[in-house]
N, C-alpha and C. Protein backbone atom coordinates (compact mmCIF):
# COMPACT_ATOMS: atom_id res chain seq x y z
N MET A 1 -32.11 12.03 -15.11
CA MET A 1 -30.56 12.47 -16.43
C MET A 1 -29.96 13.39 -14.98
N GLU A 2 -29.17 13.17 -14.75
CA GLU A 2 -28.50 13.85 -14.12
C GLU A 2 -27.88 15.08 -13.81
N THR A 3 -27.94 16.27 -13.35
CA THR A 3 -27.40 17.30 -13.02
C THR A 3 -26.12 17.28 -12.25
N THR A 4 -24.70 17.77 -13.25
CA THR A 4 -23.24 17.97 -12.28
C THR A 4 -23.86 19.75 -11.55
N ILE A 5 -22.81 20.14 -10.59
CA ILE A 5 -22.49 21.00 -9.82
C ILE A 5 -21.38 21.63 -10.25
N GLN A 6 -22.06 22.85 -11.13
CA GLN A 6 -20.78 23.36 -12.17
C GLN A 6 -19.53 23.71 -11.01
N ARG A 7 -20.05 24.75 -9.79
CA ARG A 7 -19.02 24.97 -8.67
C ARG A 7 -19.08 25.61 -7.58
N MET A 8 -18.91 24.97 -6.13
CA MET A 8 -19.35 25.50 -5.40
C MET A 8 -18.28 25.15 -4.18
N ASN A 9 -18.28 26.63 -3.76
CA ASN A 9 -16.92 27.02 -2.61
C ASN A 9 -17.31 25.87 -1.31
N VAL A 10 -16.26 25.24 -0.69
CA VAL A 10 -15.91 24.67 0.22
C VAL A 10 -15.54 24.78 1.19
N ALA A 11 -14.50 26.10 1.12
CA ALA A 11 -14.26 26.82 1.90
C ALA A 11 -14.60 27.72 2.70
N PRO A 12 -16.09 28.26 3.34
CA PRO A 12 -16.62 29.14 3.02
C PRO A 12 -16.33 30.39 4.02
N SER A 13 -15.14 29.65 4.72
CA SER A 13 -14.78 30.65 5.99
C SER A 13 -12.96 31.33 5.20
N SER A 14 -12.80 30.60 4.19
CA SER A 14 -11.28 31.23 3.57
C SER A 14 -11.57 32.67 2.94
N VAL A 15 -10.62 33.47 2.69
CA VAL A 15 -10.45 34.81 1.74
C VAL A 15 -10.57 34.44 0.25
N GLU A 16 -10.30 33.15 0.56
CA GLU A 16 -9.60 33.35 -1.34
C GLU A 16 -10.77 31.66 -2.10
N GLY A 17 -11.05 31.55 -0.85
CA GLY A 17 -12.01 30.68 -1.36
C GLY A 17 -11.16 29.18 -2.27
N HIS A 18 -12.31 27.79 -1.71
CA HIS A 18 -12.01 26.54 -2.13
C HIS A 18 -13.16 26.21 -3.00
N PHE A 19 -13.19 25.74 -4.53
CA PHE A 19 -14.00 25.75 -4.91
C PHE A 19 -13.74 24.25 -5.73
N VAL A 20 -15.00 23.34 -5.43
CA VAL A 20 -15.10 22.04 -5.91
C VAL A 20 -15.49 22.13 -7.58
N GLU A 21 -15.29 21.58 -8.37
CA GLU A 21 -15.78 21.89 -10.00
C GLU A 21 -16.38 20.31 -10.71
N ASN A 22 -17.62 20.51 -11.49
CA ASN A 22 -17.91 19.43 -12.03
C ASN A 22 -18.02 18.02 -10.92
N ALA A 23 -18.67 18.19 -10.03
CA ALA A 23 -19.38 17.22 -9.01
C ALA A 23 -20.49 16.23 -9.25
N LYS A 24 -21.00 15.24 -8.91
CA LYS A 24 -22.10 14.89 -9.89
C LYS A 24 -23.14 15.66 -8.61
N LYS A 25 -22.60 15.41 -6.79
CA LYS A 25 -23.53 15.84 -6.21
C LYS A 25 -22.36 16.16 -4.38
N ILE A 26 -22.64 17.07 -3.94
CA ILE A 26 -22.13 18.06 -2.68
C ILE A 26 -22.81 18.08 -1.11
N VAL A 27 -22.50 17.44 -0.83
CA VAL A 27 -23.42 17.22 0.54
C VAL A 27 -22.21 18.10 1.39
N ASN A 28 -22.26 19.01 1.65
CA ASN A 28 -22.82 19.77 4.01
C ASN A 28 -22.79 18.81 4.70
N LEU A 29 -21.65 18.42 5.84
CA LEU A 29 -22.22 17.42 6.44
C LEU A 29 -21.60 17.65 8.32
N ASP A 30 -20.94 19.46 7.77
CA ASP A 30 -20.42 20.08 9.37
C ASP A 30 -20.24 21.63 8.60
N GLU A 31 -21.35 22.41 8.67
CA GLU A 31 -21.28 23.50 8.75
C GLU A 31 -20.20 24.31 9.66
N VAL A 32 -19.71 23.94 10.55
CA VAL A 32 -18.93 24.79 11.60
C VAL A 32 -17.44 24.31 11.55
N ASN A 33 -17.34 23.27 10.80
CA ASN A 33 -15.93 22.63 10.96
C ASN A 33 -15.63 22.41 9.00
N GLU A 34 -16.71 22.80 8.71
CA GLU A 34 -16.24 22.94 6.91
C GLU A 34 -16.08 21.66 6.17
N THR A 35 -17.25 20.71 6.68
CA THR A 35 -16.75 19.14 5.99
C THR A 35 -17.64 19.11 4.95
N PHE A 36 -17.41 18.36 3.77
CA PHE A 36 -18.38 18.31 2.72
C PHE A 36 -18.30 17.11 2.31
N TYR A 37 -18.81 16.00 1.78
CA TYR A 37 -18.69 15.01 0.94
C TYR A 37 -18.68 15.62 -0.59
N VAL A 38 -18.07 14.97 -1.41
CA VAL A 38 -17.78 14.79 -3.01
C VAL A 38 -18.44 13.60 -3.81
N GLU A 39 -18.75 13.96 -4.44
CA GLU A 39 -19.10 12.67 -5.01
C GLU A 39 -19.29 13.10 -6.90
N GLY A 40 -18.67 12.05 -7.08
CA GLY A 40 -17.89 11.73 -8.50
C GLY A 40 -16.81 12.17 -8.86
N LYS A 41 -16.24 12.03 -10.47
CA LYS A 41 -14.95 12.82 -10.36
C LYS A 41 -15.30 14.52 -10.62
N SER A 42 -14.45 14.78 -10.04
CA SER A 42 -14.93 16.56 -10.03
C SER A 42 -12.99 16.51 -9.59
N ARG A 43 -12.72 18.45 -9.63
CA ARG A 43 -11.50 18.84 -8.99
C ARG A 43 -11.92 20.26 -8.03
N LEU A 44 -11.13 20.16 -7.78
CA LEU A 44 -11.27 21.03 -6.54
C LEU A 44 -9.54 22.48 -6.96
N VAL A 45 -10.33 23.32 -6.94
CA VAL A 45 -9.74 24.88 -7.59
C VAL A 45 -9.52 25.60 -6.77
N THR A 46 -8.08 26.17 -5.91
CA THR A 46 -7.70 27.28 -5.23
C THR A 46 -7.11 28.76 -6.28
N LYS A 47 -7.47 29.92 -5.78
CA LYS A 47 -6.46 30.97 -6.66
C LYS A 47 -5.16 30.25 -5.49
N ASN A 48 -5.00 30.47 -4.18
CA ASN A 48 -3.65 29.93 -3.61
C ASN A 48 -3.18 29.47 -3.07
N HIS A 49 -3.42 28.25 -3.86
CA HIS A 49 -3.32 26.70 -3.76
C HIS A 49 -2.63 25.96 -4.69
N THR A 50 -2.71 25.10 -5.33
CA THR A 50 -2.86 24.34 -6.67
C THR A 50 -3.95 23.22 -6.95
N THR A 51 -4.34 23.04 -8.26
CA THR A 51 -5.82 22.31 -8.34
C THR A 51 -5.37 20.69 -8.31
N LEU A 52 -6.55 20.02 -7.95
CA LEU A 52 -6.35 19.11 -7.83
C LEU A 52 -7.26 18.18 -8.50
N GLU A 53 -7.03 16.86 -9.21
CA GLU A 53 -7.92 16.07 -9.30
C GLU A 53 -8.35 14.99 -8.70
N MET A 54 -9.93 14.79 -8.72
CA MET A 54 -10.18 13.73 -8.03
C MET A 54 -10.70 12.88 -8.95
N ASN A 55 -10.69 11.66 -8.82
CA ASN A 55 -11.29 10.49 -9.81
C ASN A 55 -12.48 10.19 -9.11
N ASP A 56 -12.26 10.21 -7.78
CA ASP A 56 -13.52 9.07 -7.34
C ASP A 56 -14.83 10.16 -5.92
N ASP A 57 -14.90 9.97 -5.21
CA ASP A 57 -15.46 10.49 -4.41
C ASP A 57 -15.30 10.42 -3.45
N CYS A 58 -14.87 11.53 -2.35
CA CYS A 58 -13.83 12.49 -1.83
C CYS A 58 -14.57 13.25 -0.68
N LEU A 59 -13.86 13.14 0.69
CA LEU A 59 -14.14 14.18 1.97
C LEU A 59 -13.69 15.19 1.89
N ILE A 60 -13.85 16.19 1.96
CA ILE A 60 -13.17 17.67 2.18
C ILE A 60 -13.51 18.47 3.68
N THR A 61 -12.07 18.38 4.54
CA THR A 61 -12.14 19.22 6.23
C THR A 61 -11.82 20.60 5.87
N CYS A 62 -12.34 21.24 6.59
CA CYS A 62 -11.12 22.15 6.91
C CYS A 62 -9.33 21.58 7.51
N GLN A 63 -8.68 22.10 7.22
CA GLN A 63 -7.23 21.83 8.13
C GLN A 63 -7.48 22.64 9.98
N THR A 64 -6.91 21.96 10.68
CA THR A 64 -7.40 22.71 12.02
C THR A 64 -5.73 22.10 12.57
N VAL A 65 -5.33 23.01 13.19
CA VAL A 65 -4.42 23.42 13.77
C VAL A 65 -3.75 23.61 15.12
N TYR A 66 -3.32 23.10 15.54
CA TYR A 66 -2.75 23.39 17.30
C TYR A 66 -2.68 24.71 17.49
N ASP A 67 -3.00 25.57 18.21
CA ASP A 67 -2.67 26.98 19.03
C ASP A 67 -2.23 26.16 20.93
N PRO A 68 -1.13 26.80 20.97
CA PRO A 68 -0.63 26.31 22.02
C PRO A 68 -1.14 27.27 22.92
N PHE A 69 -1.27 28.79 22.12
CA PHE A 69 -1.72 29.88 23.98
C PHE A 69 -2.88 29.53 23.81
N LYS A 70 -3.56 29.41 23.22
CA LYS A 70 -4.95 29.05 23.03
C LYS A 70 -5.26 27.82 23.84
N ASN A 71 -4.34 26.74 23.83
CA ASN A 71 -4.80 25.26 23.93
C ASN A 71 -5.59 24.36 23.59
N GLU A 72 -6.33 24.80 22.18
CA GLU A 72 -6.97 24.11 21.25
C GLU A 72 -6.39 24.23 19.96
N PHE A 73 -7.61 23.48 19.25
CA PHE A 73 -7.33 23.56 17.68
C PHE A 73 -8.18 24.50 17.00
N THR A 74 -7.39 24.46 16.34
CA THR A 74 -8.91 26.27 15.71
C THR A 74 -8.52 26.24 13.89
N LYS A 75 -8.90 26.56 12.94
CA LYS A 75 -8.87 26.34 12.09
C LYS A 75 -7.73 26.47 11.31
N SER A 76 -7.13 26.57 10.29
CA SER A 76 -6.11 26.94 9.34
C SER A 76 -6.53 28.42 8.57
N ARG A 77 -5.48 29.14 8.90
CA ARG A 77 -5.60 30.13 7.97
C ARG A 77 -5.01 30.51 6.91
N ASP A 78 -5.92 30.83 5.55
CA ASP A 78 -4.89 31.24 4.27
C ASP A 78 -3.60 32.16 4.46
């Protein structure tokens, strides 16, 4: 019997959250960079963006942007 993950936040540092719903399995590959492997058909639901239907396995990671004042890449902010 397969279980389905009903809802999981894949952007813990986000003030709004980014939730994967109805995936077969979600694996946290990197806690620092917030990178997740999502297995199975699912959807990504956010309050401040759009809803994405994902028809296959996928990789979700936090967007990074270059900060010229710090001379480094940092996580994108909501």
